[in-house]
Amino acid sequence: MSRSQAIQQAQSQFDSGEFQQTLARRVAIPTESQNPERGAVLTSYLDTEMRPAFEAMGFDCQTLTHPKARAPFLFAQRIEDPALPTVFGYGHGDVIRGLESEWKPGLSPWRLTESEGRWYGRGIADNKAQHSVNMQAMANVLKTRGKLGFNAKYLIEMGEETGSPGLRELCEANKTLFNADLLVASDGPRLRAERPTVFLGSRGSMNFDLTIEARQGGHHSGNWGGLISNPGIQLAHAIASIVSPTGQIRIPEWVPKELPDSVRRALADCEVDGGADGPTIEPWWGEPGLSPAERVFGWCSFEVLAYKTGNPDTPVNAIPPRAWARCQLRFVVGPNPDDFLPALRRHLDRQGFPMVKIAATREEMFHATRIDPEDAWVQWAVASIAQTSGKKPAVLPNLGGSLPNDIFTDILGLRTVWVPHSYPGCSQHAPNEHLPPALLREGLSIMTGLYWDMGAGNTPHSV
């Protein structure tokens, strides 16, 4: 039996409608981890869908728990020979809230619906279809070869959409159990729908609040205008000192000293395109001298997520006593996260804004991760994907968004190769989440080829 036969098996399985039926069954389970009433549903997804699917492939399954997590984790492994390479897989079965009332007529978050060449349903993009593709790809290799030819370990969690509580501690406590050569997982979007993509880490993310508390209560703007400070104006000027009018960060400690040559080479042919539904890229915004791909995948960005002063809903003729902004820094490997807020404090003081208070939010800070795009495992994966798809994959040193990838790189010591099966316009986390089935079909072929090659004896592990 051959590689091409395994891929043909994958395509036939998809075209038969069998994969669609499996995915429809999983989408129908409302695994909203942000909804406190869904605890039993989260566990049910592992027990009724994940465990039977892994056990059918000869995996040994065990349920793992941690006090920080609202739902258990499922760990599955198939060890064929300790001398073989071991690949670690990861996925999450929880989804963001369904937002049922906001979907288009005829669509539901809990029903896979095919319409206008797209599959709709909550979890189609994030993450049920993505881990379902990878699991089915392994099943295709087993059916064709009779064995994987490598060792496989897989972890499914049910709390990713609430910050993965307990995942870090679980991995700390199970380093030996989770030991592997490489992580291969799928989440996030491709660079473009039609171009296979590999990303090797993620940008970090830190949210914080800026606040000015000037006084108790508002005061009439006619009687006091020009006599007392306006926190809304002061905070606007403070924020404006952080970035230029074109979005360039003005705090040196917040950006890398340089863009590594290997990152530049990897991004040289990467064109950022959100598709027909995405916004138009504004070339004048952000760090000057960088391409759009370098700005989002190789550099840092500062955003104001929300801003409030006075009463926006019913403005009155009063100078507000308070102004508040929720801000965010997305950052790459290089800058020191421990110095982000101290550096901001120093900057605001130098600029004459000692009245601005800085406070980290309760949201977990994601750390930046990136492995070398020229690593042997990366080049092996890229060659496999290119052979299957007939396309040159985009290699992103890191995702523009954030994932708890440092758990895998820093705690488990794994190289991380992410092969996404989504695209930027998928409406992830919004109503009408969807994917083109052709993207999933190609993803299934790619992963079947990748897992076939993993067991063919020519990986960096065995060379």
Protein backbone atom coordinates (compact mmCIF):
# COMPACT_ATOMS: atom_id res chain seq x y z
CA MET A 1 0.00 0.00 0.00
CA SER A 2 1.29 3.47 -0.85
CA ARG A 3 1.16 7.11 0.16
CA SER A 4 -1.02 7.97 -2.81
CA GLN A 5 -3.48 5.23 -1.87
CA ALA A 6 -3.77 6.64 1.66
CA ILE A 7 -4.49 10.11 0.29
CA GLN A 8 -6.99 8.67 -2.17
CA GLN A 9 -8.65 6.90 0.76
CA ALA A 10 -8.86 10.27 2.57
CA GLN A 11 -10.47 11.98 -0.40
CA SER A 12 -12.94 9.15 -0.99
CA GLN A 13 -13.91 9.16 2.69
CA PHE A 14 -14.54 12.90 2.53
CA ASP A 15 -16.46 12.75 -0.78
CA SER A 16 -18.71 9.98 0.54
CA GLY A 17 -20.15 12.37 3.14
CA GLU A 18 -18.85 10.29 6.04
CA PHE A 19 -16.60 13.05 7.36
CA GLN A 20 -19.45 15.56 7.10
CA GLN A 21 -21.70 13.26 9.14
CA THR A 22 -19.06 12.89 11.86
CA LEU A 23 -18.52 16.63 12.01
CA ALA A 24 -22.26 17.33 12.06
CA ARG A 25 -22.63 15.09 15.09
CA ARG A 26 -19.84 16.93 16.91
CA VAL A 27 -21.10 20.40 15.99
CA ALA A 28 -24.51 19.46 17.41
CA ILE A 29 -23.01 19.14 20.91
CA PRO A 30 -23.21 22.68 22.43
CA THR A 31 -19.82 22.71 24.13
CA GLU A 32 -19.84 26.37 25.23
CA SER A 33 -17.11 26.55 27.86
CA GLN A 34 -18.05 30.17 28.66
CA ASN A 35 -21.51 29.01 29.69
CA PRO A 36 -21.44 27.70 33.29
CA GLU A 37 -24.48 25.50 32.54
CA ARG A 38 -22.56 23.41 30.00
CA GLY A 39 -20.22 21.53 32.34
CA ALA A 40 -21.82 18.13 31.73
CA VAL A 41 -21.87 18.78 27.98
CA LEU A 42 -18.13 19.42 27.94
CA THR A 43 -17.49 16.05 29.56
CA SER A 44 -19.97 14.36 27.23
CA TYR A 45 -18.03 15.49 24.16
CA LEU A 46 -14.96 13.65 25.42
CA ASP A 47 -16.89 10.52 26.44
CA THR A 48 -19.21 10.17 23.43
CA GLU A 49 -17.04 11.49 20.58
CA MET A 50 -13.34 11.65 21.35
CA ARG A 51 -12.78 8.49 23.38
CA PRO A 52 -14.63 6.12 20.99
CA ALA A 53 -12.85 7.61 17.97
CA PHE A 54 -9.41 7.18 19.51
CA GLU A 55 -10.14 3.71 20.85
CA ALA A 56 -11.30 2.63 17.38
CA MET A 57 -7.76 3.50 16.20
CA GLY A 58 -6.14 1.40 18.94
CA PHE A 59 -5.31 4.26 21.28
CA ASP A 60 -5.28 3.83 25.04
CA CYS A 61 -7.34 6.62 26.61
CA GLN A 62 -7.37 8.11 30.07
CA THR A 63 -9.22 11.01 31.62
CA LEU A 64 -7.04 13.59 33.33
CA THR A 65 -8.23 16.35 35.66
CA HIS A 66 -6.90 19.42 37.38
CA PRO A 67 -8.58 21.54 40.08
CA LYS A 68 -8.26 24.70 37.97
CA ALA A 69 -10.15 23.19 35.04
CA ARG A 70 -13.95 23.10 34.88
CA ALA A 71 -13.86 20.05 32.61
CA PRO A 72 -11.55 17.04 32.31
CA PHE A 73 -8.94 16.44 29.62
CA LEU A 74 -8.73 13.34 27.44
CA PHE A 75 -5.28 11.92 26.82
CA ALA A 76 -4.93 9.22 24.16
CA GLN A 77 -1.77 7.41 23.09
CA ARG A 78 -0.75 4.65 20.72
CA ILE A 79 2.82 3.43 21.28
CA GLU A 80 3.96 1.13 18.48
CA ASP A 81 7.70 1.09 19.23
CA PRO A 82 9.66 3.30 21.65
CA ALA A 83 12.40 3.61 19.02
CA LEU A 84 10.04 5.32 16.58
CA PRO A 85 9.43 9.08 16.50
CA THR A 86 6.60 10.29 18.71
CA VAL A 87 4.22 13.04 17.62
CA PHE A 88 2.08 14.93 20.12
CA GLY A 89 -1.30 16.22 18.97
CA TYR A 90 -3.58 18.78 20.58
CA GLY A 91 -7.10 20.06 20.03
CA HIS A 92 -9.95 21.61 21.96
CA GLY A 93 -13.58 20.55 21.84
CA ASP A 94 -15.02 23.61 23.55
CA VAL A 95 -16.41 26.51 21.53
CA ILE A 96 -17.29 30.13 22.06
CA ARG A 97 -20.93 30.97 22.92
CA GLY A 98 -23.38 30.06 20.18
CA LEU A 99 -25.07 33.50 19.87
CA GLU A 100 -28.04 31.69 18.33
CA SER A 101 -30.23 34.75 17.71
CA GLU A 102 -27.56 36.50 15.66
CA TRP A 103 -27.06 33.88 12.94
CA LYS A 104 -28.49 34.31 9.45
CA PRO A 105 -32.01 32.94 8.85
CA GLY A 106 -31.89 29.20 8.30
CA LEU A 107 -28.59 28.77 10.15
CA SER A 108 -27.93 27.51 13.66
CA PRO A 109 -24.69 27.20 15.62
CA TRP A 110 -25.65 23.65 16.60
CA ARG A 111 -26.53 22.33 13.15
CA LEU A 112 -24.02 21.80 10.36
CA THR A 113 -25.64 23.50 7.38
CA GLU A 114 -24.35 23.59 3.82
CA SER A 115 -25.20 26.86 2.07
CA GLU A 116 -23.67 28.68 -0.90
CA GLY A 117 -20.62 26.45 -0.98
CA ARG A 118 -19.86 26.73 2.75
CA TRP A 119 -20.37 24.61 5.84
CA TYR A 120 -21.80 26.58 8.76
CA GLY A 121 -21.83 25.73 12.46
CA ARG A 122 -20.12 26.59 15.74
CA GLY A 123 -16.78 24.78 15.89
CA ILE A 124 -16.47 24.35 12.12
CA ALA A 125 -13.37 26.54 12.21
CA ASP A 126 -12.49 26.56 15.90
CA ASN A 127 -11.70 23.76 16.63
CA LYS A 128 -13.91 20.74 16.02
CA ALA A 129 -13.31 20.45 12.30
CA GLN A 130 -9.58 21.00 12.73
CA HIS A 131 -8.94 18.21 15.22
CA SER A 132 -11.47 15.99 13.42
CA VAL A 133 -9.40 16.35 10.24
CA ASN A 134 -6.24 15.27 12.04
CA MET A 135 -7.89 12.34 13.76
CA GLN A 136 -9.42 11.12 10.50
CA ALA A 137 -6.05 11.48 8.76
CA MET A 138 -4.47 9.09 11.26
CA ALA A 139 -7.37 6.69 10.73
CA ASN A 140 -6.70 6.81 6.98
CA VAL A 141 -3.03 5.89 7.50
CA LEU A 142 -3.98 3.02 9.79
CA LYS A 143 -6.51 1.68 7.29
CA THR A 144 -4.02 1.82 4.42
CA ARG A 145 -0.75 0.81 6.11
CA GLY A 146 -2.13 -1.27 8.97
CA LYS A 147 -0.09 0.75 11.42
CA LEU A 148 0.93 4.35 11.94
CA GLY A 149 4.66 3.69 11.78
CA PHE A 150 5.20 6.20 14.60
CA ASN A 151 4.00 6.75 18.15
CA ALA A 152 1.09 9.12 18.65
CA LYS A 153 -0.04 11.01 21.74
CA TYR A 154 -3.05 13.33 21.71
CA LEU A 155 -4.54 15.73 24.24
CA ILE A 156 -8.06 17.15 23.93
CA GLU A 157 -9.04 19.93 26.33
CA MET A 158 -12.42 21.57 26.91
CA GLY A 159 -11.44 25.00 28.23
CA GLU A 160 -9.38 26.73 25.56
CA GLU A 161 -12.01 29.42 24.98
CA THR A 162 -11.78 30.40 28.66
CA GLY A 163 -7.98 30.63 28.72
CA SER A 164 -7.10 26.92 29.10
CA PRO A 165 -7.31 26.84 32.92
CA GLY A 166 -5.27 23.96 34.31
CA LEU A 167 -3.55 23.10 31.02
CA ARG A 168 -0.20 24.54 32.07
CA GLU A 169 -0.27 22.75 35.42
CA LEU A 170 -1.41 19.50 33.79
CA CYS A 171 1.56 19.56 31.43
CA GLU A 172 3.94 20.41 34.27
CA ALA A 173 2.71 17.37 36.18
CA ASN A 174 2.82 14.98 33.20
CA LYS A 175 6.06 15.81 31.40
CA THR A 176 7.09 12.18 31.19
CA LEU A 177 3.68 10.98 30.02
CA PHE A 178 3.55 13.70 27.35
CA ASN A 179 7.15 13.25 26.18
CA ALA A 180 7.44 13.46 22.38
CA ASP A 181 9.66 14.63 19.53
CA LEU A 182 7.29 17.11 17.94
CA LEU A 183 3.89 18.73 18.31
CA VAL A 184 1.70 18.68 15.21
CA ALA A 185 -1.63 20.42 15.77
CA SER A 186 -4.18 22.54 13.97
CA ASP A 187 -5.80 25.79 15.03
CA GLY A 188 -6.13 29.30 13.67
CA PRO A 189 -6.32 30.33 10.01
CA ARG A 190 -4.22 29.77 6.96
CA LEU A 191 -2.56 32.85 5.46
CA ARG A 192 -5.12 32.61 2.64
CA ALA A 193 -7.86 30.07 2.05
CA GLU A 194 -6.19 28.54 -0.98
CA ARG A 195 -2.63 28.39 0.38
CA PRO A 196 -1.55 25.68 2.82
CA THR A 197 0.15 27.24 5.81
CA VAL A 198 2.46 26.26 8.64
CA PHE A 199 3.01 28.43 11.69
CA LEU A 200 5.58 27.73 14.35
CA GLY A 201 4.44 29.63 17.41
CA SER A 202 2.32 32.62 18.31
CA ARG A 203 2.59 36.25 19.25
CA GLY A 204 2.20 36.98 22.91
CA SER A 205 -0.64 39.08 24.25
CA MET A 206 -0.95 41.31 27.30
CA ASN A 207 -4.02 43.35 28.22
CA PHE A 208 -3.89 46.25 30.66
CA ASP A 209 -5.99 49.23 31.79
CA LEU A 210 -5.05 52.90 31.78
CA THR A 211 -7.10 55.07 34.13
CA ILE A 212 -7.22 58.68 35.31
CA GLU A 213 -9.26 59.41 38.45
CA ALA A 214 -9.24 63.20 38.63
CA ARG A 215 -11.88 63.93 41.25
CA GLN A 216 -15.22 62.89 42.73
CA GLY A 217 -18.14 63.56 40.41
CA GLY A 218 -18.56 65.61 37.27
CA HIS A 219 -18.66 69.41 37.18
CA HIS A 220 -20.60 71.78 34.92
CA SER A 221 -18.57 72.47 31.80
CA GLY A 222 -19.80 76.07 31.61
CA ASN A 223 -18.83 76.93 35.15
CA TRP A 224 -15.62 74.91 35.31
CA GLY A 225 -14.43 74.52 31.70
CA GLY A 226 -10.91 75.90 31.39
CA LEU A 227 -10.37 75.71 35.16
CA ILE A 228 -10.11 71.99 35.85
CA SER A 229 -8.47 69.20 33.89
CA ASN A 230 -10.43 66.86 31.65
CA PRO A 231 -9.36 63.21 32.19
CA GLY A 232 -10.69 62.22 28.78
CA ILE A 233 -8.38 64.68 27.06
CA GLN A 234 -5.44 63.83 29.27
CA LEU A 235 -5.79 60.08 28.68
CA ALA A 236 -6.13 60.62 24.93
CA HIS A 237 -2.81 62.51 24.93
CA ALA A 238 -1.19 59.83 27.10
CA ILE A 239 -2.25 57.10 24.67
CA ALA A 240 -1.13 59.20 21.73
CA SER A 241 2.36 59.38 23.25
CA ILE A 242 2.63 55.58 23.12
CA VAL A 243 2.26 55.33 19.35
CA SER A 244 2.76 57.68 16.44
CA PRO A 245 -0.21 58.97 14.39
CA THR A 246 0.47 56.04 12.03
CA GLY A 247 0.62 53.34 14.72
CA GLN A 248 4.39 53.03 15.22
CA ILE A 249 5.22 52.03 18.80
CA ARG A 250 7.30 54.67 20.58
CA ILE A 251 8.42 52.62 23.60
CA PRO A 252 11.71 50.89 22.64
CA GLU A 253 11.29 48.15 25.26
CA TRP A 254 8.09 47.02 23.52
CA VAL A 255 9.65 46.01 20.18
CA PRO A 256 12.43 43.65 19.09
CA LYS A 257 15.85 45.06 18.32
CA GLU A 258 15.71 43.55 14.85
CA LEU A 259 13.87 41.12 12.61
CA PRO A 260 15.89 37.87 12.35
CA ASP A 261 17.09 36.98 8.85
CA SER A 262 15.40 33.57 8.97
CA VAL A 263 12.09 35.28 9.76
CA ARG A 264 12.54 37.71 6.87
CA ARG A 265 13.28 34.85 4.50
CA ALA A 266 10.24 32.87 5.64
CA LEU A 267 7.92 35.86 5.23
CA ALA A 268 9.36 37.08 1.92
CA ASP A 269 6.64 35.43 -0.17
CA CYS A 270 3.78 35.69 2.34
CA GLU A 271 0.97 37.99 1.27
CA VAL A 272 -1.63 38.88 3.91
CA ASP A 273 -5.13 38.70 2.47
CA GLY A 274 -8.34 38.50 4.47
CA GLY A 275 -10.39 37.59 1.42
CA ALA A 276 -13.54 39.26 0.14
CA ASP A 277 -14.98 39.66 3.65
CA GLY A 278 -11.78 40.98 5.24
CA PRO A 279 -10.71 44.60 5.76
CA THR A 280 -8.39 46.39 3.33
CA ILE A 281 -4.79 46.52 4.51
CA GLU A 282 -3.59 50.08 5.09
CA PRO A 283 0.10 50.13 4.06
CA TRP A 284 0.83 53.35 5.94
CA TRP A 285 -0.14 51.92 9.36
CA GLY A 286 2.31 50.27 11.76
CA GLU A 287 6.09 49.91 11.79
CA PRO A 288 7.61 51.63 8.72
CA GLY A 289 9.97 49.72 6.48
CA LEU A 290 8.28 46.36 7.04
CA SER A 291 6.02 44.41 4.70
CA PRO A 292 2.46 43.68 5.86
CA ALA A 293 3.47 40.09 6.69
CA GLU A 294 6.47 41.31 8.70
CA ARG A 295 4.30 43.78 10.61
CA VAL A 296 1.75 41.18 11.75
CA PHE A 297 3.95 38.07 12.07
CA GLY A 298 7.35 39.56 12.89
CA TRP A 299 6.69 42.71 14.91
CA CYS A 300 4.64 44.05 17.82
CA SER A 301 1.43 46.05 17.79
CA PHE A 302 -0.41 48.20 20.32
CA GLU A 303 -4.20 48.51 20.30
CA VAL A 304 -6.86 50.40 22.24
CA LEU A 305 -9.69 47.89 22.63
CA ALA A 306 -12.11 50.15 24.50
CA TYR A 307 -12.21 53.75 25.74
CA LYS A 308 -14.69 55.44 28.05
CA THR A 309 -15.07 58.86 29.59
CA GLY A 310 -18.23 60.60 30.74
CA ASN A 311 -21.51 58.93 29.76
CA PRO A 312 -21.33 57.93 26.08
CA ASP A 313 -24.99 56.86 25.93
CA THR A 314 -26.43 60.09 27.36
CA PRO A 315 -23.80 62.85 27.27
CA VAL A 316 -24.29 65.77 29.65
CA ASN A 317 -22.67 69.19 29.95
CA ALA A 318 -20.20 68.13 32.59
CA ILE A 319 -16.45 67.60 32.73
CA PRO A 320 -16.09 63.88 33.54
CA PRO A 321 -14.17 62.89 36.65
CA ARG A 322 -12.70 59.74 35.15
CA ALA A 323 -11.34 58.20 31.94
CA TRP A 324 -10.53 54.57 31.27
CA ALA A 325 -9.04 52.57 28.39
CA ARG A 326 -8.51 48.83 27.91
CA CYS A 327 -5.29 48.39 25.94
CA GLN A 328 -3.43 45.47 24.42
CA LEU A 329 0.11 44.72 23.34
CA ARG A 330 0.72 41.87 20.89
CA PHE A 331 4.39 40.96 20.96
CA VAL A 332 6.88 38.60 19.36
CA VAL A 333 9.93 36.80 20.74
CA GLY A 334 12.63 39.24 21.80
CA PRO A 335 11.25 41.94 24.11
CA ASN A 336 11.08 41.15 27.83
CA PRO A 337 7.43 40.86 28.97
CA ASP A 338 8.42 41.49 32.59
CA ASP A 339 9.49 45.01 31.60
CA PHE A 340 6.42 45.97 29.54
CA LEU A 341 4.45 47.72 32.28
CA PRO A 342 7.51 49.19 34.07
CA ALA A 343 8.68 50.59 30.72
CA LEU A 344 5.22 52.07 30.15
CA ARG A 345 5.34 53.67 33.61
CA ARG A 346 8.71 55.24 32.85
CA HIS A 347 7.50 56.47 29.49
CA LEU A 348 4.31 58.09 30.82
CA ASP A 349 6.21 59.78 33.62
CA ARG A 350 8.72 61.20 31.13
CA GLN A 351 5.87 62.45 28.96
CA GLY A 352 4.21 64.28 31.86
CA PHE A 353 1.40 61.83 32.66
CA PRO A 354 2.09 60.65 36.22
CA MET A 355 -1.66 60.82 36.90
CA VAL A 356 -2.30 57.83 34.60
CA LYS A 357 -2.70 54.61 36.57
CA ILE A 358 -1.61 51.32 34.97
CA ALA A 359 -3.16 48.00 35.96
CA ALA A 360 -2.80 44.53 34.47
CA THR A 361 -6.11 42.83 33.79
CA ARG A 362 -7.20 39.46 35.15
CA GLU A 363 -6.80 37.90 31.73
CA GLU A 364 -3.86 35.55 31.41
CA MET A 365 -0.87 36.89 29.51
CA PHE A 366 0.09 34.71 26.57
CA HIS A 367 3.82 34.42 26.02
CA ALA A 368 5.43 34.77 22.61
CA THR A 369 6.90 31.64 21.02
CA ARG A 370 8.67 30.89 17.79
CA ILE A 371 10.89 28.08 16.54
CA ASP A 372 13.39 28.56 13.75
CA PRO A 373 11.68 28.41 10.32
CA GLU A 374 14.77 26.60 9.04
CA ASP A 375 14.60 23.83 11.68
CA ALA A 376 14.88 20.34 10.18
CA TRP A 377 11.44 19.27 11.43
CA VAL A 378 9.86 22.37 9.88
CA GLN A 379 11.52 21.76 6.53
CA TRP A 380 10.41 18.12 6.65
CA ALA A 381 6.78 19.10 7.29
CA VAL A 382 6.82 21.78 4.60
CA ALA A 383 8.18 19.28 2.04
CA SER A 384 5.44 16.78 2.92
CA ILE A 385 2.69 19.37 2.57
CA ALA A 386 4.09 20.61 -0.73
CA GLN A 387 4.24 17.07 -2.12
CA THR A 388 0.58 16.42 -1.26
CA SER A 389 -0.90 19.77 -2.28
CA GLY A 390 1.34 20.68 -5.19
CA LYS A 391 1.63 24.14 -3.62
CA LYS A 392 4.38 25.97 -1.78
CA PRO A 393 3.16 26.32 1.81
CA ALA A 394 3.38 29.64 3.59
CA VAL A 395 5.72 29.38 6.59
CA LEU A 396 4.82 31.84 9.35
CA PRO A 397 7.35 32.04 12.20
CA ASN A 398 4.39 32.66 14.49
CA LEU A 399 0.68 33.24 14.32
CA GLY A 400 -0.42 36.87 14.53
CA GLY A 401 -2.85 35.92 17.30
CA SER A 402 -2.08 34.16 20.56
CA LEU A 403 -2.16 30.55 21.76
CA PRO A 404 -0.78 28.92 24.93
CA ASN A 405 1.99 27.54 22.74
CA ASP A 406 4.66 28.23 25.37
CA ILE A 407 3.17 25.34 27.35
CA PHE A 408 4.34 23.00 24.61
CA THR A 409 7.66 24.69 23.80
CA ASP A 410 8.85 25.71 27.27
CA ILE A 411 7.27 23.13 29.58
CA LEU A 412 7.21 20.04 27.34
CA GLY A 413 10.26 21.09 25.30
CA LEU A 414 8.58 20.39 21.94
CA ARG A 415 9.14 21.84 18.53
CA THR A 416 5.70 23.04 17.44
CA VAL A 417 4.38 22.78 13.89
CA TRP A 418 0.82 24.04 13.47
CA VAL A 419 -1.02 23.22 10.23
CA PRO A 420 -4.25 25.26 10.24
CA HIS A 421 -7.40 24.17 8.43
CA SER A 422 -9.26 27.49 8.50
CA TYR A 423 -9.00 30.88 6.79
CA PRO A 424 -9.11 34.54 7.91
CA GLY A 425 -12.72 35.18 6.84
CA CYS A 426 -14.25 32.19 8.69
CA SER A 427 -16.22 34.32 11.24
CA GLN A 428 -14.48 32.51 14.08
CA HIS A 429 -15.99 33.58 17.45
CA ALA A 430 -18.80 35.40 15.60
CA PRO A 431 -22.21 34.41 14.25
CA ASN A 432 -22.18 32.43 10.99
CA GLU A 433 -18.90 30.59 11.63
CA HIS A 434 -18.10 28.66 8.46
CA LEU A 435 -15.51 27.02 6.21
CA PRO A 436 -15.38 26.05 2.53
CA PRO A 437 -15.51 22.23 2.43
CA ALA A 438 -12.77 22.26 -0.24
CA LEU A 439 -10.38 23.64 2.38
CA LEU A 440 -11.22 20.79 4.76
CA ARG A 441 -10.84 18.23 1.96
CA GLU A 442 -7.39 19.55 1.12
CA GLY A 443 -6.51 19.67 4.81
CA LEU A 444 -7.50 16.02 5.21
CA SER A 445 -5.30 15.07 2.26
CA ILE A 446 -2.38 17.09 3.62
CA MET A 447 -2.57 15.59 7.09
CA THR A 448 -2.93 12.07 5.73
CA GLY A 449 0.26 12.63 3.71
CA LEU A 450 2.02 14.19 6.70
CA TYR A 451 1.17 11.30 9.02
CA TRP A 452 2.10 8.80 6.30
CA ASP A 453 5.50 10.44 5.97
CA MET A 454 5.90 10.47 9.75
CA GLY A 455 5.83 6.68 9.68
CA ALA A 456 7.92 6.23 6.54
CA GLY A 457 11.27 6.22 8.35
CA ASN A 458 12.79 9.42 6.95
CA THR A 459 11.97 11.98 9.62
CA PRO A 460 14.67 14.10 11.33
CA HIS A 461 14.24 11.75 14.32
CA SER A 462 15.68 8.81 12.39
CA VAL A 463 18.08 10.53 9.97
